[in-house]
Amino acid sequence: MNLLKPITEKYWVLADQVVVSGSAFLTNIMLAKAMGLQEYGKFSIIVMIQLFILSLSMAFSSQVYQVAYPSLPLAGQQKLTPGMLGIQFVTAIMIWIALFGCWSFCQISGFKANYFSHTVLIMAALSTVLYVLQDFLRRVFITKVQGRYAFLIDTITNVLQIVALLVAWYYNLLGQSMAWSIIGLSFLPSVITGIILLKPGNINLSVMRFSWKIQLTKGGWLMGSSLLQWGSGYFFVIAAGWWLGAPALGALRLAQYIFGLLNLLLQAIENYVLPKVAAIQGDMSAYWWKLMRKSLLMIVPILCLLSLFAHDFFRIIGGPEYEQYTFVIYGLSIVYLLITIGYPVRIAIRSLGLNRHYFIGYILSVSAGLLLAPWLIKTWALQGVLAGIFLTQLIMICYWSVILQRKYAILWKSYI
């Protein structure tokens, strides 16, 4: 491991995000081509459920950890890590029980006979539990300035996963059952490796109670925000599938994976910056303006390339039938420009502990989406979906900006 240390921490964080997002992109492109539209659509349903569960887990564990750990004294940090990990084990058991209950319901109702086999449901449940554990470990490593370990465990998972999926595809075995079995089992070695590298110490009721109190104090608004964040991020995607059918949903999801590189950069920025900002004392105005400028310098050239070659991207990755949806990439380019401008605002709200306003921002966003979605989609179809995504993001960013201006005058000072 000593050979890994000379590389600057921020590059380990970026490299880790490259592995995670790049592998997700390759995996989904591979599965979409191997399974076909109908089966890939079913696969995406489970993925969206996974993302929902992950967002809840993050709000009540890793996001709290990222903000609380840097501000605690050494004794508190030594309690927080094993305490949070212990709570994660309990959470993993609860998730498994909940998913098993859903599986039992599907079996009784007959839903599984039409959609998912026993193997798919069981391996998807295993995948979800291990995915949540691994995501927690990687965020802990990043917060503890041990990005090389986050990179290592994510590399183990994704290399195993992609190689196994390629072999299954080569032998024409890559159906839903095989895909979920490979994905679920690929997390196991990295979770074990991550726990060994973390060296959490003694996990007992005392440290778990200590961590639980911090979670209750800091995680309440984040939990509600995560529910709303999931709704804000995926409501229009779900609505597109519901009202416009599978082709429109497929085009939108494919375009979102093409934009995975931007998610990679934005998530890397947040994972690296948030623990740093939480430890800063005093005026942070100049820092936010610098962060916004650097983010735009990274993101805008990529948006220009995606827009310039949008037609070719869709034709090569999705096939000729997707060329008619090229406008989706143009629309998402505008959305991601707005998100990039607003990302420092989002990080400022979180790092300053304004969780109530973070929550309210998502309430406004989701409420606007619920009100506008039927009219936008029925009037302008997929263009209406893109307009809705843009408007809900704009409402949320504007609200957070007003709060920062009123409470800290951050935006005014930054632009001065």
Protein backbone atom coordinates (compact mmCIF):
# COMPACT_ATOMS: atom_id res chain seq x y z
CA MET A 1 0.00 0.00 0.00
CA ASN A 2 2.91 2.39 0.56
CA LEU A 3 3.38 2.63 -3.20
CA LEU A 4 -0.05 4.26 -3.43
CA LYS A 5 0.61 7.13 -0.97
CA PRO A 6 2.59 9.64 -3.11
CA ILE A 7 -0.45 10.41 -5.28
CA THR A 8 -2.39 13.47 -4.10
CA GLU A 9 -5.59 12.67 -2.24
CA LYS A 10 -7.88 14.53 -4.63
CA TYR A 11 -6.63 12.39 -7.51
CA TRP A 12 -7.47 9.22 -5.60
CA VAL A 13 -10.99 10.58 -5.08
CA LEU A 14 -11.30 11.43 -8.76
CA ALA A 15 -9.85 8.06 -9.82
CA ASP A 16 -12.31 6.29 -7.55
CA GLN A 17 -15.23 8.16 -9.07
CA VAL A 18 -13.92 7.37 -12.55
CA VAL A 19 -13.95 3.66 -11.67
CA VAL A 20 -17.47 3.81 -10.18
CA SER A 21 -19.14 5.92 -12.87
CA GLY A 22 -17.17 4.47 -15.77
CA SER A 23 -17.98 0.92 -14.72
CA ALA A 24 -21.67 1.78 -14.26
CA PHE A 25 -21.71 3.20 -17.79
CA LEU A 26 -20.02 0.13 -19.31
CA THR A 27 -22.20 -2.28 -17.33
CA ASN A 28 -25.45 -0.65 -18.37
CA ILE A 29 -24.48 -0.32 -22.03
CA MET A 30 -23.48 -3.99 -22.01
CA LEU A 31 -26.70 -5.11 -20.31
CA ALA A 32 -28.88 -2.95 -22.57
CA LYS A 33 -27.37 -4.57 -25.67
CA ALA A 34 -27.35 -8.12 -24.24
CA MET A 35 -30.84 -8.13 -22.71
CA GLY A 36 -32.81 -6.05 -25.16
CA LEU A 37 -35.14 -3.18 -24.32
CA GLN A 38 -37.82 -5.14 -22.46
CA GLU A 39 -35.49 -7.03 -20.10
CA TYR A 40 -33.25 -4.02 -19.60
CA GLY A 41 -36.34 -2.05 -18.60
CA LYS A 42 -37.07 -4.64 -15.90
CA PHE A 43 -33.46 -4.47 -14.76
CA SER A 44 -33.75 -0.68 -14.47
CA ILE A 45 -36.78 -0.99 -12.19
CA ILE A 46 -34.68 -2.86 -9.61
CA VAL A 47 -31.81 -0.40 -10.05
CA MET A 48 -34.11 2.50 -9.23
CA ILE A 49 -35.30 0.70 -6.09
CA GLN A 50 -31.64 0.19 -5.14
CA LEU A 51 -30.94 3.89 -5.62
CA PHE A 52 -33.91 4.74 -3.42
CA ILE A 53 -32.64 2.50 -0.61
CA LEU A 54 -29.09 3.84 -1.04
CA SER A 55 -30.29 7.44 -0.80
CA LEU A 56 -32.00 6.67 2.53
CA SER A 57 -28.91 4.88 3.85
CA MET A 58 -26.62 7.74 2.80
CA ALA A 59 -28.80 10.33 4.50
CA PHE A 60 -28.74 8.51 7.82
CA SER A 61 -25.15 7.29 7.74
CA SER A 62 -22.45 8.35 5.28
CA GLN A 63 -23.68 11.93 4.73
CA VAL A 64 -23.87 12.45 8.49
CA TYR A 65 -20.42 10.87 8.85
CA GLN A 66 -18.92 13.17 6.18
CA VAL A 67 -20.06 16.29 8.03
CA ALA A 68 -19.64 15.10 11.66
CA TYR A 69 -16.26 13.31 11.51
CA PRO A 70 -14.02 16.32 10.65
CA SER A 71 -15.56 18.44 13.43
CA LEU A 72 -15.17 15.85 16.22
CA PRO A 73 -12.16 15.53 18.54
CA LEU A 74 -9.99 12.44 18.13
CA ALA A 75 -11.84 10.52 20.85
CA GLY A 76 -15.15 11.21 19.13
CA GLN A 77 -13.78 10.16 15.74
CA GLN A 78 -12.59 6.86 17.24
CA LYS A 79 -16.12 6.19 18.48
CA LEU A 80 -17.95 7.40 15.37
CA THR A 81 -16.33 5.03 12.85
CA PRO A 82 -17.05 1.69 14.61
CA GLY A 83 -20.40 2.99 15.84
CA MET A 84 -21.55 3.93 12.34
CA LEU A 85 -20.29 0.64 10.93
CA GLY A 86 -22.20 -1.29 13.58
CA ILE A 87 -25.36 0.61 12.71
CA GLN A 88 -24.71 -0.21 9.05
CA PHE A 89 -24.69 -3.93 9.89
CA VAL A 90 -28.02 -3.55 11.68
CA THR A 91 -29.37 -1.54 8.73
CA ALA A 92 -28.19 -4.24 6.31
CA ILE A 93 -30.16 -6.85 8.25
CA MET A 94 -33.25 -4.61 8.25
CA ILE A 95 -32.94 -4.03 4.49
CA TRP A 96 -32.66 -7.78 3.91
CA ILE A 97 -35.76 -8.44 6.03
CA ALA A 98 -37.69 -5.71 4.20
CA LEU A 99 -36.67 -7.02 0.79
CA PHE A 100 -37.49 -10.57 1.83
CA GLY A 101 -40.93 -9.31 2.88
CA CYS A 102 -41.40 -7.73 -0.54
CA TRP A 103 -40.28 -10.97 -2.18
CA SER A 104 -42.84 -12.90 -0.11
CA PHE A 105 -45.54 -10.45 -1.14
CA CYS A 106 -44.58 -10.83 -4.80
CA GLN A 107 -44.71 -14.61 -4.45
CA ILE A 108 -48.17 -14.54 -2.89
CA SER A 109 -49.56 -11.96 -5.29
CA GLY A 110 -48.15 -13.62 -8.40
CA PHE A 111 -46.28 -10.46 -9.42
CA LYS A 112 -42.97 -12.31 -9.58
CA ALA A 113 -44.29 -14.81 -12.11
CA ASN A 114 -44.81 -12.00 -14.58
CA TYR A 115 -41.72 -9.98 -13.88
CA PHE A 116 -38.94 -11.52 -11.78
CA SER A 117 -37.77 -15.03 -10.93
CA HIS A 118 -36.82 -16.21 -7.43
CA THR A 119 -33.14 -16.04 -8.33
CA VAL A 120 -33.40 -12.46 -9.60
CA LEU A 121 -35.17 -11.25 -6.46
CA ILE A 122 -32.81 -13.01 -4.05
CA MET A 123 -29.61 -11.93 -5.82
CA ALA A 124 -30.92 -8.39 -6.30
CA ALA A 125 -31.61 -8.24 -2.54
CA LEU A 126 -28.08 -9.49 -1.78
CA SER A 127 -26.68 -6.96 -4.23
CA THR A 128 -28.60 -4.13 -2.55
CA VAL A 129 -27.38 -4.99 0.96
CA LEU A 130 -23.72 -5.30 -0.10
CA TYR A 131 -23.95 -2.21 -2.33
CA VAL A 132 -25.11 -0.11 0.64
CA LEU A 133 -22.27 -1.46 2.82
CA GLN A 134 -19.62 -0.82 0.17
CA ASP A 135 -20.86 2.70 -0.54
CA PHE A 136 -20.64 3.49 3.18
CA LEU A 137 -17.06 2.15 3.34
CA ARG A 138 -15.88 4.15 0.34
CA ARG A 139 -17.32 7.40 1.74
CA VAL A 140 -15.71 6.72 5.11
CA PHE A 141 -12.32 6.24 3.44
CA ILE A 142 -12.73 9.48 1.48
CA THR A 143 -13.72 11.39 4.62
CA LYS A 144 -10.71 9.96 6.51
CA VAL A 145 -8.42 11.10 3.64
CA GLN A 146 -7.78 7.51 2.61
CA GLY A 147 -9.04 7.77 -0.94
CA ARG A 148 -6.59 5.10 -2.10
CA TYR A 149 -8.57 2.52 -0.13
CA ALA A 150 -11.85 3.68 -1.65
CA PHE A 151 -10.22 3.32 -5.06
CA LEU A 152 -8.98 -0.17 -4.19
CA ILE A 153 -12.30 -1.64 -3.03
CA ASP A 154 -14.22 -0.10 -5.93
CA THR A 155 -11.64 -1.43 -8.39
CA ILE A 156 -11.97 -4.94 -6.95
CA THR A 157 -15.74 -4.88 -7.32
CA ASN A 158 -15.94 -3.37 -10.76
CA VAL A 159 -13.12 -5.33 -12.39
CA LEU A 160 -14.63 -8.61 -11.17
CA GLN A 161 -18.09 -7.49 -12.24
CA ILE A 162 -17.21 -6.33 -15.75
CA VAL A 163 -14.99 -9.33 -16.53
CA ALA A 164 -17.67 -11.77 -15.34
CA LEU A 165 -20.40 -9.96 -17.28
CA LEU A 166 -18.28 -9.99 -20.44
CA VAL A 167 -17.69 -13.74 -20.09
CA ALA A 168 -21.42 -14.36 -19.57
CA TRP A 169 -22.25 -12.17 -22.58
CA TYR A 170 -19.69 -14.00 -24.74
CA TYR A 171 -21.34 -17.34 -23.92
CA ASN A 172 -24.82 -15.84 -24.44
CA LEU A 173 -25.79 -16.36 -20.77
CA LEU A 174 -26.34 -12.74 -19.75
CA GLY A 175 -29.96 -12.74 -18.65
CA GLN A 176 -31.41 -11.10 -15.55
CA SER A 177 -30.60 -13.97 -13.19
CA MET A 178 -26.99 -14.19 -14.30
CA ALA A 179 -26.55 -10.41 -14.27
CA TRP A 180 -27.83 -9.98 -10.70
CA SER A 181 -25.86 -13.00 -9.48
CA ILE A 182 -22.63 -11.54 -10.87
CA ILE A 183 -23.36 -8.04 -9.58
CA GLY A 184 -24.33 -9.24 -6.10
CA LEU A 185 -21.37 -11.56 -5.59
CA SER A 186 -18.85 -9.04 -6.97
CA PHE A 187 -19.46 -6.80 -3.95
CA LEU A 188 -18.52 -9.47 -1.40
CA PRO A 189 -14.68 -9.44 -1.76
CA SER A 190 -14.51 -5.64 -1.67
CA VAL A 191 -16.75 -5.32 1.40
CA ILE A 192 -14.55 -7.80 3.28
CA THR A 193 -11.39 -6.00 2.09
CA GLY A 194 -12.84 -2.62 3.06
CA ILE A 195 -13.64 -3.71 6.62
CA ILE A 196 -10.13 -5.16 7.03
CA LEU A 197 -8.52 -1.93 5.76
CA LEU A 198 -10.78 0.27 7.87
CA LYS A 199 -9.71 -1.41 11.13
CA PRO A 200 -12.78 -0.02 12.89
CA GLY A 201 -11.90 -1.31 16.34
CA ASN A 202 -14.36 -2.65 18.86
CA ILE A 203 -17.99 -2.41 17.74
CA ASN A 204 -20.20 -2.32 20.84
CA LEU A 205 -23.44 -0.78 22.10
CA SER A 206 -21.61 2.20 23.62
CA VAL A 207 -20.10 3.45 20.34
CA MET A 208 -23.31 2.62 18.48
CA ARG A 209 -25.33 4.74 20.94
CA PHE A 210 -22.81 7.59 20.51
CA SER A 211 -23.16 7.42 16.72
CA TRP A 212 -26.93 7.04 16.91
CA LYS A 213 -27.26 10.30 18.87
CA ILE A 214 -25.24 12.12 16.20
CA GLN A 215 -27.40 10.57 13.48
CA LEU A 216 -30.59 11.68 15.19
CA THR A 217 -29.23 15.20 15.62
CA LYS A 218 -27.88 15.67 12.10
CA GLY A 219 -29.70 13.08 10.01
CA GLY A 220 -33.38 13.90 10.47
CA TRP A 221 -33.65 16.59 7.83
CA LEU A 222 -31.22 14.70 5.59
CA MET A 223 -33.50 11.65 5.67
CA GLY A 224 -36.48 13.65 4.50
CA SER A 225 -34.32 15.41 1.96
CA SER A 226 -33.12 12.09 0.54
CA LEU A 227 -36.68 10.93 0.00
CA LEU A 228 -37.42 14.18 -1.77
CA GLN A 229 -34.08 14.10 -3.60
CA TRP A 230 -34.90 10.70 -5.02
CA GLY A 231 -38.32 11.98 -6.05
CA SER A 232 -36.82 15.12 -7.54
CA GLY A 233 -34.22 13.16 -9.48
CA TYR A 234 -36.41 10.33 -10.74
CA PHE A 235 -40.01 11.57 -10.74
CA PHE A 236 -39.87 12.87 -14.29
CA VAL A 237 -37.99 9.74 -15.41
CA ILE A 238 -40.74 7.52 -13.97
CA ALA A 239 -43.40 9.83 -15.40
CA ALA A 240 -41.80 9.58 -18.85
CA GLY A 241 -42.10 5.79 -18.75
CA TRP A 242 -45.64 5.93 -17.39
CA TRP A 243 -47.08 8.42 -19.88
CA LEU A 244 -44.79 8.13 -22.91
CA GLY A 245 -43.89 4.44 -22.94
CA ALA A 246 -40.71 2.38 -23.05
CA PRO A 247 -38.96 4.02 -26.05
CA ALA A 248 -39.02 7.48 -24.47
CA LEU A 249 -37.95 6.09 -21.10
CA GLY A 250 -35.15 4.10 -22.75
CA ALA A 251 -33.91 7.16 -24.61
CA LEU A 252 -33.92 9.26 -21.45
CA ARG A 253 -32.11 6.62 -19.37
CA LEU A 254 -29.55 6.02 -22.12
CA ALA A 255 -28.86 9.76 -22.35
CA GLN A 256 -28.45 9.93 -18.59
CA TYR A 257 -25.79 7.22 -18.74
CA ILE A 258 -24.00 9.13 -21.48
CA PHE A 259 -23.88 12.04 -19.03
CA GLY A 260 -22.38 9.73 -16.42
CA LEU A 261 -18.98 11.41 -16.78
CA LEU A 262 -20.47 14.65 -15.49
CA ASN A 263 -22.01 12.87 -12.52
CA LEU A 264 -18.57 11.40 -11.93
CA LEU A 265 -16.95 14.83 -11.72
CA LEU A 266 -19.71 16.42 -9.64
CA GLN A 267 -19.83 13.56 -7.13
CA ALA A 268 -16.04 13.57 -6.85
CA ILE A 269 -16.12 17.31 -6.15
CA GLU A 270 -18.76 16.87 -3.44
CA ASN A 271 -17.06 13.86 -1.81
CA TYR A 272 -13.72 15.68 -1.69
CA VAL A 273 -14.92 19.19 -0.82
CA LEU A 274 -17.61 18.49 1.79
CA PRO A 275 -15.34 17.15 4.58
CA LYS A 276 -12.82 19.93 3.83
CA VAL A 277 -15.41 22.70 4.00
CA ALA A 278 -16.92 21.32 7.21
CA ALA A 279 -13.57 21.96 8.92
CA ILE A 280 -13.08 25.53 7.61
CA GLN A 281 -13.54 28.34 10.11
CA GLY A 282 -14.49 31.89 9.14
CA ASP A 283 -15.59 33.45 5.85
CA MET A 284 -15.89 30.98 2.97
CA SER A 285 -17.17 33.39 0.31
CA ALA A 286 -14.05 33.41 -1.87
CA TYR A 287 -13.88 29.63 -1.63
CA TRP A 288 -17.37 29.18 -3.17
CA TRP A 289 -16.64 31.43 -6.12
CA LYS A 290 -13.36 29.59 -6.78
CA LEU A 291 -15.15 26.24 -6.57
CA MET A 292 -17.85 27.35 -9.03
CA ARG A 293 -15.27 28.64 -11.51
CA LYS A 294 -13.24 25.42 -11.41
CA SER A 295 -16.37 23.30 -11.76
CA LEU A 296 -17.47 25.22 -14.85
CA LEU A 297 -14.02 24.93 -16.40
CA MET A 298 -14.25 21.14 -16.07
CA ILE A 299 -17.89 20.64 -17.05
CA VAL A 300 -18.58 23.14 -19.86
CA PRO A 301 -16.10 21.64 -22.39
CA ILE A 302 -17.66 18.21 -21.86
CA LEU A 303 -21.16 19.64 -22.39
CA CYS A 304 -20.01 21.23 -25.64
CA LEU A 305 -18.58 17.92 -26.90
CA LEU A 306 -21.70 15.97 -25.96
CA SER A 307 -23.94 18.48 -27.74
CA LEU A 308 -21.73 18.68 -30.82
CA PHE A 309 -21.64 14.90 -31.31
CA ALA A 310 -25.06 14.09 -29.82
CA HIS A 311 -26.37 12.42 -32.97
CA ASP A 312 -23.32 10.16 -33.27
CA PHE A 313 -23.36 9.22 -29.57
CA PHE A 314 -26.97 8.07 -29.72
CA ARG A 315 -26.55 6.21 -33.00
CA ILE A 316 -23.42 4.32 -31.88
CA ILE A 317 -24.50 3.52 -28.33
CA GLY A 318 -28.25 3.12 -28.70
CA GLY A 319 -28.72 2.20 -32.33
CA PRO A 320 -30.48 3.85 -35.30
CA GLU A 321 -33.90 3.78 -33.58
CA TYR A 322 -32.65 6.28 -30.97
CA GLU A 323 -31.47 8.94 -33.43
CA GLN A 324 -34.89 10.64 -33.29
CA TYR A 325 -34.25 11.36 -29.59
CA THR A 326 -31.02 13.32 -30.11
CA PHE A 327 -32.72 16.42 -28.65
CA VAL A 328 -32.63 14.70 -25.23
CA ILE A 329 -28.85 15.25 -25.08
CA TYR A 330 -29.28 18.94 -25.92
CA GLY A 331 -31.84 19.29 -23.15
CA LEU A 332 -29.73 17.46 -20.57
CA SER A 333 -26.72 19.62 -21.49
CA ILE A 334 -28.68 22.71 -20.41
CA VAL A 335 -29.84 20.93 -17.25
CA TYR A 336 -26.27 19.95 -16.31
CA LEU A 337 -25.01 23.49 -16.91
CA LEU A 338 -27.56 24.68 -14.36
CA ILE A 339 -26.64 21.88 -11.93
CA THR A 340 -22.93 22.77 -12.22
CA ILE A 341 -23.63 26.42 -11.44
CA GLY A 342 -25.71 25.38 -8.45
CA TYR A 343 -23.41 22.68 -7.08
CA PRO A 344 -21.34 25.01 -4.85
CA VAL A 345 -24.65 26.33 -3.49
CA ARG A 346 -25.74 22.78 -2.64
CA ILE A 347 -22.42 22.00 -0.93
CA ALA A 348 -22.58 25.29 1.02
CA ILE A 349 -26.06 24.45 2.33
CA ARG A 350 -24.90 21.01 3.48
CA SER A 351 -21.57 22.06 4.97
CA LEU A 352 -23.16 24.91 6.96
CA GLY A 353 -25.60 22.48 8.53
CA LEU A 354 -28.67 24.15 6.99
CA ASN A 355 -30.42 20.78 6.76
CA ARG A 356 -33.88 22.25 7.28
CA HIS A 357 -33.45 24.52 4.26
CA TYR A 358 -31.85 21.66 2.30
CA PHE A 359 -35.06 19.74 3.01
CA ILE A 360 -37.34 22.66 2.10
CA GLY A 361 -35.50 23.10 -1.21
CA TYR A 362 -36.39 19.55 -2.19
CA ILE A 363 -39.99 20.01 -1.01
CA LEU A 364 -40.33 22.97 -3.37
CA SER A 365 -38.69 21.02 -6.18
CA VAL A 366 -40.83 17.89 -5.83
CA SER A 367 -44.02 19.91 -5.30
CA ALA A 368 -43.38 21.86 -8.49
CA GLY A 369 -42.71 18.59 -10.32
CA LEU A 370 -45.97 17.05 -9.13
CA LEU A 371 -47.93 20.11 -10.19
CA LEU A 372 -46.26 20.65 -13.54
CA ALA A 373 -45.58 17.09 -14.75
CA PRO A 374 -49.03 16.19 -16.14
CA TRP A 375 -49.32 19.41 -18.11
CA LEU A 376 -45.71 19.51 -19.34
CA ILE A 377 -45.61 15.86 -20.45
CA LYS A 378 -49.07 15.83 -22.07
CA THR A 379 -48.33 19.10 -23.87
CA TRP A 380 -44.72 18.60 -24.99
CA ALA A 381 -44.04 14.89 -24.39
CA LEU A 382 -40.34 14.18 -23.82
CA GLN A 383 -39.44 17.84 -24.31
CA GLY A 384 -41.80 18.53 -21.42
CA VAL A 385 -39.91 16.03 -19.27
CA LEU A 386 -36.65 17.89 -19.93
CA ALA A 387 -38.30 21.24 -19.21
CA GLY A 388 -39.67 19.85 -15.96
CA ILE A 389 -36.25 18.57 -14.85
CA PHE A 390 -34.74 22.00 -15.58
CA LEU A 391 -37.47 23.96 -13.77
CA THR A 392 -37.40 21.81 -10.62
CA GLN A 393 -33.61 22.18 -10.39
CA LEU A 394 -33.87 25.93 -10.94
CA ILE A 395 -36.47 26.35 -8.17
CA MET A 396 -34.34 24.42 -5.69
CA ILE A 397 -31.10 26.27 -6.48
CA CYS A 398 -32.81 29.67 -6.34
CA TYR A 399 -34.27 28.92 -2.92
CA TRP A 400 -30.93 27.78 -1.50
CA SER A 401 -29.21 30.84 -2.99
CA VAL A 402 -31.70 33.16 -1.27
CA ILE A 403 -31.09 31.41 2.08
CA LEU A 404 -27.31 31.72 1.75
CA GLN A 405 -27.61 35.37 0.81
CA ARG A 406 -29.90 36.16 3.73
CA LYS A 407 -27.99 34.21 6.39
CA TYR A 408 -24.38 34.55 5.29
CA ALA A 409 -24.30 36.99 2.34
CA ILE A 410 -22.17 34.31 0.66
CA LEU A 411 -23.26 34.90 -2.91
CA TRP A 412 -22.97 38.67 -2.76
CA LYS A 413 -19.49 38.52 -1.24
CA SER A 414 -18.42 35.84 -3.71
CA TYR A 415 -19.31 37.84 -6.77
CA ILE A 416 -17.71 40.98 -5.33
